[in-house]
Amino acid sequence: QENRRLMIEGLPKAGFDRIAPPDG
C-alpha cells in the first residue's frame, strides 16, 4: 500500500507521467 502511494506520486515526478493507478 505504501509502495503504491510512493510510485503513484514518484513516477510522474521522475518523468513517467502517463500512468494509471493500479487497483491491485
PDB file of all heavy atoms in Angstrom:
ATOM      1  N   GLN A   1       0.832  -1.209   0.000  1.00  0.00           N
ATOM      2  CA  GLN A   1       0.000   0.000   0.000  1.00  0.00           C
ATOM      3  C   GLN A   1       0.866   1.258   0.000  1.00  0.00           C
ATOM      4  O   GLN A   1       0.633   2.192  -0.766  1.00  0.00           O
ATOM      5  CB  GLN A   1      -0.909  -0.023   1.229  1.00  0.00           C
ATOM      6  CG  GLN A   1      -1.961   1.059   1.289  1.00  0.00           C
ATOM      7  CD  GLN A   1      -3.208   0.701   0.523  1.00  0.00           C
ATOM      8  OE1 GLN A   1      -3.423   1.228  -0.565  1.00  0.00           O
ATOM      9  NE2 GLN A   1      -4.041  -0.170   1.062  1.00  0.00           N
ATOM     10  N   GLU A   2       1.879   1.272   0.864  1.00  0.00           N
ATOM     11  CA  GLU A   2       2.781   2.416   0.920  1.00  0.00           C
ATOM     12  C   GLU A   2       3.600   2.521  -0.364  1.00  0.00           C
ATOM     13  O   GLU A   2       3.790   3.629  -0.905  1.00  0.00           O
ATOM     14  CB  GLU A   2       3.699   2.302   2.133  1.00  0.00           C
ATOM     15  CG  GLU A   2       4.798   3.360   2.223  1.00  0.00           C
ATOM     16  CD  GLU A   2       4.277   4.784   2.361  1.00  0.00           C
ATOM     17  OE1 GLU A   2       3.049   4.991   2.522  1.00  0.00           O
ATOM     18  OE2 GLU A   2       5.111   5.711   2.316  1.00  0.00           O
ATOM     19  N   ASN A   3       4.081   1.400  -0.868  1.00  0.00           N
ATOM     20  CA  ASN A   3       4.856   1.433  -2.111  1.00  0.00           C
ATOM     21  C   ASN A   3       4.029   1.945  -3.275  1.00  0.00           C
ATOM     22  O   ASN A   3       4.521   2.702  -4.122  1.00  0.00           O
ATOM     23  CB  ASN A   3       5.392   0.038  -2.430  1.00  0.00           C
ATOM     24  CG  ASN A   3       6.475  -0.413  -1.472  1.00  0.00           C
ATOM     25  OD1 ASN A   3       6.921   0.340  -0.611  1.00  0.00           O
ATOM     26  ND2 ASN A   3       6.910  -1.653  -1.620  1.00  0.00           N
ATOM     27  N   ARG A   4       2.775   1.527  -3.328  1.00  0.00           N
ATOM     28  CA  ARG A   4       1.870   2.024  -4.372  1.00  0.00           C
ATOM     29  C   ARG A   4       1.747   3.541  -4.288  1.00  0.00           C
ATOM     30  O   ARG A   4       1.817   4.239  -5.315  1.00  0.00           O
ATOM     31  CB  ARG A   4       0.501   1.355  -4.235  1.00  0.00           C
ATOM     32  CG  ARG A   4      -0.582   1.881  -5.174  1.00  0.00           C
ATOM     33  CD  ARG A   4      -1.894   1.141  -4.906  1.00  0.00           C
ATOM     34  NE  ARG A   4      -2.968   1.525  -5.785  1.00  0.00           N
ATOM     35  CZ  ARG A   4      -3.938   2.391  -5.463  1.00  0.00           C
ATOM     36  NH1 ARG A   4      -3.925   2.985  -4.261  1.00  0.00           N
ATOM     37  NH2 ARG A   4      -4.903   2.677  -6.322  1.00  0.00           N
ATOM     38  N   ARG A   5       1.554   4.066  -3.094  1.00  0.00           N
ATOM     39  CA  ARG A   5       1.437   5.512  -2.925  1.00  0.00           C
ATOM     40  C   ARG A   5       2.701   6.221  -3.422  1.00  0.00           C
ATOM     41  O   ARG A   5       2.628   7.226  -4.142  1.00  0.00           O
ATOM     42  CB  ARG A   5       1.201   5.837  -1.450  1.00  0.00           C
ATOM     43  CG  ARG A   5       0.973   7.325  -1.175  1.00  0.00           C
ATOM     44  CD  ARG A   5       0.960   7.620   0.317  1.00  0.00           C
ATOM     45  NE  ARG A   5       2.265   7.449   0.936  1.00  0.00           N
ATOM     46  CZ  ARG A   5       3.259   8.355   0.854  1.00  0.00           C
ATOM     47  NH1 ARG A   5       3.077   9.485   0.175  1.00  0.00           N
ATOM     48  NH2 ARG A   5       4.416   8.128   1.443  1.00  0.00           N
ATOM     49  N   LEU A   6       3.860   5.683  -3.051  1.00  0.00           N
ATOM     50  CA  LEU A   6       5.118   6.290  -3.474  1.00  0.00           C
ATOM     51  C   LEU A   6       5.264   6.261  -4.996  1.00  0.00           C
ATOM     52  O   LEU A   6       5.740   7.246  -5.593  1.00  0.00           O
ATOM     53  CB  LEU A   6       6.290   5.561  -2.821  1.00  0.00           C
ATOM     54  CG  LEU A   6       6.439   5.744  -1.308  1.00  0.00           C
ATOM     55  CD1 LEU A   6       7.480   4.771  -0.763  1.00  0.00           C
ATOM     56  CD2 LEU A   6       6.810   7.178  -0.963  1.00  0.00           C
ATOM     57  N   MET A   7       4.878   5.143  -5.615  1.00  0.00           N
ATOM     58  CA  MET A   7       5.009   5.040  -7.077  1.00  0.00           C
ATOM     59  C   MET A   7       4.070   6.002  -7.789  1.00  0.00           C
ATOM     60  O   MET A   7       4.457   6.659  -8.771  1.00  0.00           O
ATOM     61  CB  MET A   7       4.724   3.601  -7.509  1.00  0.00           C
ATOM     62  CG  MET A   7       5.729   2.581  -7.025  1.00  0.00           C
ATOM     63  SD  MET A   7       7.353   2.718  -7.806  1.00  0.00           S
ATOM     64  CE  MET A   7       7.067   1.778  -9.307  1.00  0.00           C
ATOM     65  N   ILE A   8       2.836   6.090  -7.324  1.00  0.00           N
ATOM     66  CA  ILE A   8       1.871   6.976  -7.974  1.00  0.00           C
ATOM     67  C   ILE A   8       2.321   8.431  -7.878  1.00  0.00           C
ATOM     68  O   ILE A   8       2.144   9.224  -8.809  1.00  0.00           O
ATOM     69  CB  ILE A   8       0.465   6.775  -7.359  1.00  0.00           C
ATOM     70  CG1 ILE A   8      -0.070   5.385  -7.726  1.00  0.00           C
ATOM     71  CG2 ILE A   8      -0.503   7.847  -7.832  1.00  0.00           C
ATOM     72  CD1 ILE A   8      -1.337   5.000  -6.981  1.00  0.00           C
ATOM     73  N   GLU A   9       2.939   8.771  -6.747  1.00  0.00           N
ATOM     74  CA  GLU A   9       3.449  10.129  -6.586  1.00  0.00           C
ATOM     75  C   GLU A   9       4.800  10.318  -7.274  1.00  0.00           C
ATOM     76  O   GLU A   9       5.061  11.364  -7.886  1.00  0.00           O
ATOM     77  CB  GLU A   9       3.597  10.456  -5.096  1.00  0.00           C
ATOM     78  CG  GLU A   9       2.290  10.579  -4.339  1.00  0.00           C
ATOM     79  CD  GLU A   9       2.522  10.890  -2.859  1.00  0.00           C
ATOM     80  OE1 GLU A   9       3.702  11.059  -2.458  1.00  0.00           O
ATOM     81  OE2 GLU A   9       1.528  10.965  -2.120  1.00  0.00           O
ATOM     82  N   GLY A  10       5.664   9.314  -7.161  1.00  0.00           N
ATOM     83  CA  GLY A  10       7.048   9.481  -7.574  1.00  0.00           C
ATOM     84  C   GLY A  10       7.320   9.274  -9.046  1.00  0.00           C
ATOM     85  O   GLY A  10       8.200   9.945  -9.614  1.00  0.00           O
ATOM     86  N   LEU A  11       6.611   8.370  -9.686  1.00  0.00           N
ATOM     87  CA  LEU A  11       6.888   8.130 -11.104  1.00  0.00           C
ATOM     88  C   LEU A  11       6.636   9.368 -11.960  1.00  0.00           C
ATOM     89  O   LEU A  11       7.473   9.695 -12.817  1.00  0.00           O
ATOM     90  CB  LEU A  11       6.079   6.931 -11.610  1.00  0.00           C
ATOM     91  CG  LEU A  11       6.638   5.548 -11.264  1.00  0.00           C
ATOM     92  CD1 LEU A  11       5.679   4.450 -11.711  1.00  0.00           C
ATOM     93  CD2 LEU A  11       8.014   5.317 -11.886  1.00  0.00           C
ATOM     94  N   PRO A  12       5.509  10.089 -11.788  1.00  0.00           N
ATOM     95  CA  PRO A  12       5.339  11.312 -12.587  1.00  0.00           C
ATOM     96  C   PRO A  12       6.446  12.342 -12.340  1.00  0.00           C
ATOM     97  O   PRO A  12       6.907  13.004 -13.279  1.00  0.00           O
ATOM     98  CB  PRO A  12       3.967  11.834 -12.124  1.00  0.00           C
ATOM     99  CG  PRO A  12       3.234  10.618 -11.682  1.00  0.00           C
ATOM    100  CD  PRO A  12       4.286   9.771 -11.021  1.00  0.00           C
ATOM    101  N   LYS A  13       6.895  12.468 -11.098  1.00  0.00           N
ATOM    102  CA  LYS A  13       7.980  13.395 -10.801  1.00  0.00           C
ATOM    103  C   LYS A  13       9.273  12.959 -11.473  1.00  0.00           C
ATOM    104  O   LYS A  13      10.138  13.800 -11.776  1.00  0.00           O
ATOM    105  CB  LYS A  13       8.184  13.494  -9.284  1.00  0.00           C
ATOM    106  CG  LYS A  13       7.025  14.149  -8.547  1.00  0.00           C
ATOM    107  CD  LYS A  13       7.266  14.158  -7.052  1.00  0.00           C
ATOM    108  CE  LYS A  13       6.090  14.750  -6.294  1.00  0.00           C
ATOM    109  NZ  LYS A  13       6.286  14.695  -4.815  1.00  0.00           N
ATOM    110  N   ALA A  14       9.420  11.653 -11.698  1.00  0.00           N
ATOM    111  CA  ALA A  14      10.610  11.127 -12.372  1.00  0.00           C
ATOM    112  C   ALA A  14      10.477  11.146 -13.885  1.00  0.00           C
ATOM    113  O   ALA A  14      11.373  10.664 -14.585  1.00  0.00           O
ATOM    114  CB  ALA A  14      10.890   9.709 -11.887  1.00  0.00           C
ATOM    115  N   GLY A  15       9.346  11.651 -14.388  1.00  0.00           N
ATOM    116  CA  GLY A  15       9.170  11.767 -15.831  1.00  0.00           C
ATOM    117  C   GLY A  15       8.304  10.709 -16.457  1.00  0.00           C
ATOM    118  O   GLY A  15       8.057  10.734 -17.663  1.00  0.00           O
ATOM    119  N   PHE A  16       7.800   9.777 -15.653  1.00  0.00           N
ATOM    120  CA  PHE A  16       6.899   8.734 -16.153  1.00  0.00           C
ATOM    121  C   PHE A  16       5.477   9.119 -15.731  1.00  0.00           C
ATOM    122  O   PHE A  16       4.945   8.630 -14.741  1.00  0.00           O
ATOM    123  CB  PHE A  16       7.300   7.366 -15.594  1.00  0.00           C
ATOM    124  CG  PHE A  16       8.698   6.955 -15.963  1.00  0.00           C
ATOM    125  CD1 PHE A  16       9.758   7.179 -15.097  1.00  0.00           C
ATOM    126  CD2 PHE A  16       8.968   6.356 -17.195  1.00  0.00           C
ATOM    127  CE1 PHE A  16      11.048   6.811 -15.439  1.00  0.00           C
ATOM    128  CE2 PHE A  16      10.256   5.979 -17.544  1.00  0.00           C
ATOM    129  CZ  PHE A  16      11.302   6.218 -16.662  1.00  0.00           C
ATOM    130  N   ASP A  17       4.887  10.036 -16.481  1.00  0.00           N
ATOM    131  CA  ASP A  17       3.633  10.654 -16.060  1.00  0.00           C
ATOM    132  C   ASP A  17       2.403  10.090 -16.764  1.00  0.00           C
ATOM    133  O   ASP A  17       1.286  10.529 -16.492  1.00  0.00           O
ATOM    134  CB  ASP A  17       3.683  12.169 -16.248  1.00  0.00           C
ATOM    135  CG  ASP A  17       4.047  12.582 -17.666  1.00  0.00           C
ATOM    136  OD1 ASP A  17       4.257  11.689 -18.524  1.00  0.00           O
ATOM    137  OD2 ASP A  17       4.139  13.801 -17.917  1.00  0.00           O
ATOM    138  N   ARG A  18       2.602   9.134 -17.632  1.00  0.00           N
ATOM    139  CA  ARG A  18       1.459   8.527 -18.322  1.00  0.00           C
ATOM    140  C   ARG A  18       1.161   7.166 -17.681  1.00  0.00           C
ATOM    141  O   ARG A  18       1.480   6.110 -18.230  1.00  0.00           O
ATOM    142  CB  ARG A  18       1.732   8.389 -19.817  1.00  0.00           C
ATOM    143  CG  ARG A  18       2.008   9.722 -20.504  1.00  0.00           C
ATOM    144  CD  ARG A  18       2.154   9.569 -22.011  1.00  0.00           C
ATOM    145  NE  ARG A  18       2.489  10.848 -22.637  1.00  0.00           N
ATOM    146  CZ  ARG A  18       2.582  11.034 -23.961  1.00  0.00           C
ATOM    147  NH1 ARG A  18       2.382   9.999 -24.793  1.00  0.00           N
ATOM    148  NH2 ARG A  18       2.892  12.223 -24.451  1.00  0.00           N
ATOM    149  N   ILE A  19       0.573   7.216 -16.501  1.00  0.00           N
ATOM    150  CA  ILE A  19       0.282   6.007 -15.730  1.00  0.00           C
ATOM    151  C   ILE A  19      -1.145   6.086 -15.212  1.00  0.00           C
ATOM    152  O   ILE A  19      -1.746   7.155 -15.163  1.00  0.00           O
ATOM    153  CB  ILE A  19       1.250   5.827 -14.542  1.00  0.00           C
ATOM    154  CG1 ILE A  19       1.116   6.991 -13.548  1.00  0.00           C
ATOM    155  CG2 ILE A  19       2.693   5.695 -15.029  1.00  0.00           C
ATOM    156  CD1 ILE A  19       1.891   6.821 -12.267  1.00  0.00           C
ATOM    157  N   ALA A  20      -1.683   4.925 -14.842  1.00  0.00           N
ATOM    158  CA  ALA A  20      -2.985   4.860 -14.182  1.00  0.00           C
ATOM    159  C   ALA A  20      -2.798   4.114 -12.865  1.00  0.00           C
ATOM    160  O   ALA A  20      -2.091   3.103 -12.819  1.00  0.00           O
ATOM    161  CB  ALA A  20      -4.001   4.122 -15.057  1.00  0.00           C
ATOM    162  N   PRO A  21      -3.403   4.593 -11.777  1.00  0.00           N
ATOM    163  CA  PRO A  21      -3.244   3.896 -10.503  1.00  0.00           C
ATOM    164  C   PRO A  21      -3.741   2.459 -10.599  1.00  0.00           C
ATOM    165  O   PRO A  21      -4.843   2.206 -11.095  1.00  0.00           O
ATOM    166  CB  PRO A  21      -4.115   4.716  -9.539  1.00  0.00           C
ATOM    167  CG  PRO A  21      -4.224   6.060 -10.167  1.00  0.00           C
ATOM    168  CD  PRO A  21      -4.217   5.812 -11.645  1.00  0.00           C
ATOM    169  N   PRO A  22      -2.954   1.488 -10.143  1.00  0.00           N
ATOM    170  CA  PRO A  22      -3.385   0.090 -10.187  1.00  0.00           C
ATOM    171  C   PRO A  22      -4.431  -0.201  -9.110  1.00  0.00           C
ATOM    172  O   PRO A  22      -4.339   0.305  -7.992  1.00  0.00           O
ATOM    173  CB  PRO A  22      -2.098  -0.692  -9.944  1.00  0.00           C
ATOM    174  CG  PRO A  22      -1.228   0.246  -9.163  1.00  0.00           C
ATOM    175  CD  PRO A  22      -1.577   1.621  -9.628  1.00  0.00           C
ATOM    176  N   ASP A  23      -5.415  -1.036  -9.456  1.00  0.00           N
ATOM    177  CA  ASP A  23      -6.433  -1.463  -8.491  1.00  0.00           C
ATOM    178  C   ASP A  23      -5.905  -2.551  -7.565  1.00  0.00           C
ATOM    179  O   ASP A  23      -6.379  -2.699  -6.433  1.00  0.00           O
ATOM    180  CB  ASP A  23      -7.663  -2.027  -9.218  1.00  0.00           C
ATOM    181  CG  ASP A  23      -8.290  -1.024 -10.164  1.00  0.00           C
ATOM    182  OD1 ASP A  23      -8.451   0.141  -9.757  1.00  0.00           O
ATOM    183  OD2 ASP A  23      -8.635  -1.405 -11.306  1.00  0.00           O
ATOM    184  N   GLY A  24      -4.983  -3.355  -8.078  1.00  0.00           N
ATOM    185  CA  GLY A  24      -4.460  -4.483  -7.320  1.00  0.00           C
ATOM    186  C   GLY A  24      -3.095  -4.869  -7.857  1.00  0.00           C
ATOM    187  O   GLY A  24      -2.502  -4.168  -8.679  1.00  0.00           O
TER     188      GLY A  24
END
